[in-house]
Protein backbone atom coordinates (compact mmCIF):
# COMPACT_ATOMS: atom_id res chain seq x y z
CA MET A 1 32.98 9.73 -51.56
CA SER A 2 32.08 12.84 -53.11
CA SER A 3 33.18 15.22 -55.44
CA ASP A 4 32.34 18.59 -53.86
CA PRO A 5 35.30 20.98 -54.24
CA MET A 6 34.27 22.47 -50.64
CA GLN A 7 35.63 19.52 -48.98
CA SER A 8 39.18 19.84 -49.77
CA THR A 9 39.10 23.60 -48.71
CA TYR A 10 39.92 25.03 -44.94
CA ASP A 11 37.07 26.55 -42.88
CA PRO A 12 38.72 28.86 -40.74
CA ARG A 13 35.39 28.64 -38.52
CA TYR A 14 36.38 25.38 -37.20
CA GLU A 15 39.43 24.28 -35.45
CA GLY A 16 42.12 22.19 -37.53
CA ILE A 17 41.16 18.85 -35.38
CA TYR A 18 37.58 19.02 -37.33
CA GLN A 19 39.07 20.05 -40.67
CA ARG A 20 39.78 17.35 -43.25
CA GLY A 21 43.49 16.31 -42.55
CA GLY A 22 43.02 16.19 -39.23
CA ALA A 23 45.44 17.78 -37.07
CA ALA A 24 45.70 21.91 -35.87
CA GLU A 25 49.48 21.60 -37.26
CA SER A 26 48.11 20.59 -40.81
CA VAL A 27 47.47 24.50 -41.22
CA PRO A 28 50.37 26.56 -40.12
CA ASP A 29 48.74 30.12 -40.08
CA MET A 30 46.07 28.88 -37.21
CA ALA A 31 47.97 26.86 -35.36
CA PRO A 32 49.81 29.82 -33.36
CA SER A 33 46.38 31.30 -32.79
CA ARG A 34 44.65 28.47 -30.92
CA MET A 35 47.59 28.10 -28.47
CA ALA A 36 47.01 30.93 -26.62
CA SER A 37 47.91 30.67 -22.91
CA PRO A 38 45.33 28.77 -20.64
CA ALA A 39 42.77 30.15 -18.90
CA PRO A 40 43.42 31.48 -15.11
CA LEU A 41 41.97 28.87 -12.44
CA ALA A 42 39.05 30.14 -10.72
CA PRO A 43 39.48 31.36 -7.26
CA ALA A 44 38.99 28.84 -4.37
CA LEU A 45 35.83 29.30 -2.51
CA PRO A 46 36.02 30.26 1.20
CA ASP A 47 34.62 27.22 3.63
CA GLU A 48 31.67 27.63 5.00
CA PRO A 49 30.34 25.65 8.20
CA ALA A 50 27.67 23.27 7.80
CA PRO A 51 24.28 24.48 8.52
CA ALA A 52 22.77 23.40 11.87
CA VAL A 53 20.47 20.37 11.87
CA GLY A 54 17.00 21.67 11.37
CA THR A 55 18.00 25.03 9.91
CA SER A 56 17.11 23.93 6.23
CA ALA A 57 15.28 26.23 4.43
CA ILE A 58 13.18 23.36 2.80
CA ARG A 59 10.87 22.07 6.20
CA GLU A 60 9.06 19.80 4.33
CA VAL A 61 12.22 17.91 3.03
CA ALA A 62 13.97 18.39 6.13
CA ALA A 63 11.50 17.39 8.73
CA PRO A 64 10.86 13.79 9.73
CA THR A 65 7.78 12.60 8.47
CA GLN A 66 5.55 11.28 11.35
CA GLU A 67 2.68 8.85 10.67
CA ALA A 68 -0.53 9.23 12.78
CA PRO A 69 -0.54 6.99 15.60
CA VAL A 70 -2.75 3.91 15.11
CA ALA A 71 -5.48 3.56 18.23
CA PRO A 72 -5.60 0.43 19.72
CA GLY A 73 -8.43 -1.73 18.79
CA ASN A 74 -11.27 -2.24 21.36
CA PRO A 75 -10.57 -5.87 22.76
CA TYR A 76 -14.04 -6.62 22.72
CA ASP A 77 -14.19 -6.37 18.83
CA ARG A 78 -12.72 -9.68 18.60
CA TRP A 79 -15.49 -11.40 20.91
CA GLY A 80 -17.97 -9.39 19.12
CA TRP A 81 -17.58 -11.59 16.11
CA ILE A 82 -17.03 -14.82 17.77
CA THR A 83 -20.33 -14.21 19.54
CA ALA A 84 -22.20 -13.40 16.23
CA GLY A 85 -20.15 -16.47 14.39
CA VAL A 86 -21.62 -19.18 17.47
CA LEU A 87 -25.40 -17.68 17.49
CA VAL A 88 -25.19 -17.99 13.73
CA GLY A 89 -23.64 -21.56 13.82
CA LEU A 90 -26.01 -22.77 16.43
CA GLY A 91 -29.48 -21.14 14.72
CA MET A 92 -28.01 -23.07 11.26
CA PHE A 93 -27.27 -26.31 13.63
CA PHE A 94 -30.78 -26.04 15.31
CA PHE A 95 -32.47 -25.55 12.16
CA ALA A 96 -31.07 -28.48 10.64
CA ALA A 97 -31.20 -30.56 14.02
CA PRO A 98 -34.48 -32.53 13.22
CA SER A 99 -33.40 -33.72 9.57
CA ILE A 100 -29.99 -34.66 10.86
CA TYR A 101 -30.95 -36.92 14.11
CA ALA A 102 -34.75 -37.95 13.02
CA GLN A 103 -33.66 -41.01 11.08
CA GLN A 104 -31.22 -42.18 14.57
CA TYR A 105 -34.06 -41.47 16.77
CA ALA A 106 -36.81 -43.33 14.47
CA GLU A 107 -34.31 -46.45 14.25
CA SER A 108 -33.79 -46.48 18.23
CA PHE A 109 -37.41 -46.20 19.39
CA THR A 110 -38.78 -49.72 19.62
CA PRO A 111 -42.53 -50.69 19.45
CA GLY A 112 -44.38 -50.62 22.75
CA GLN A 113 -41.96 -47.60 24.14
CA SER A 114 -43.86 -44.95 25.71
CA TYR A 115 -43.03 -42.04 23.05
CA VAL A 116 -40.93 -39.33 24.65
CA SER A 117 -40.16 -36.08 22.36
CA PRO A 118 -36.91 -35.63 21.39
CA TRP A 119 -34.56 -33.09 22.39
CA TYR A 120 -34.10 -31.74 18.88
CA ASP A 121 -37.88 -30.93 18.69
CA ARG A 122 -37.81 -28.15 20.60
CA THR A 123 -34.69 -26.76 18.71
CA ILE A 124 -36.78 -25.61 15.77
CA PHE A 125 -38.20 -22.52 17.98
CA ALA A 126 -34.61 -21.36 19.29
CA ALA A 127 -33.45 -21.50 15.91
CA PRO A 128 -34.67 -18.35 14.45
CA VAL A 129 -33.92 -16.57 17.58
CA LEU A 130 -30.31 -17.47 17.47
CA LEU A 131 -29.97 -16.74 13.64
CA LEU A 132 -31.76 -13.26 14.58
CA LEU A 133 -29.43 -12.34 17.06
CA GLY A 134 -26.31 -13.76 15.24
CA ILE A 135 -26.81 -11.78 12.24
CA THR A 136 -27.84 -8.56 14.28
CA THR A 137 -24.65 -8.94 16.43
CA ALA A 138 -22.64 -9.08 13.16
CA VAL A 139 -24.36 -6.00 11.35
CA ALA A 140 -23.87 -4.15 14.87
CA GLN A 141 -20.20 -5.06 15.07
CA LEU A 142 -19.57 -3.88 11.37
CA PHE A 143 -21.51 -0.47 11.80
CA VAL A 144 -19.40 0.23 14.87
CA LEU A 145 -16.40 -0.49 13.47
CA SER A 146 -17.04 1.80 10.07
CA ILE A 147 -18.09 4.53 12.46
CA ARG A 148 -14.81 4.08 14.56
CA HIS A 149 -12.72 3.98 11.10
CA THR A 150 -14.50 7.20 9.58
CA LEU A 151 -14.09 9.02 12.70
CA THR A 152 -10.23 8.27 12.97
CA THR A 153 -9.86 9.37 9.49
CA ILE A 154 -11.44 12.58 9.29
CA PRO A 155 -8.64 15.23 8.67
CA THR A 156 -8.41 17.53 11.78
CA ARG A 157 -7.75 21.23 10.82
């Protein structure tokens, strides 16, 4: 509690409910002046018809957004990747075939039998060619896909 003498006095700038003591009736000279007649009601606005669909002033918001049509992919893309994978896989297998099958061939070869060159001895010549073709196919496929992506994402004016 404060001993300020101003706290017990009435301030005419504020209504009585905001004064110490609480109500407008506590200050008899201010109560009738604040009890003026209520303000008149605002006139009713005339009913306006709703705007027709598509006649909005803000066209960007009212217009439905249309996404760019997605071009169907080339049906041969999948086959290009499969071909590249098969060529690389065969090239790796043909490189590894002599080391995989040499022990098995040596065990099955009996002395006195004429030497026949096994099938995997010739694969070492085809392996680099198959690897080169497979890697070239994959790089070409990536190049074609990147060019196609670039051409479809360039904005047209």
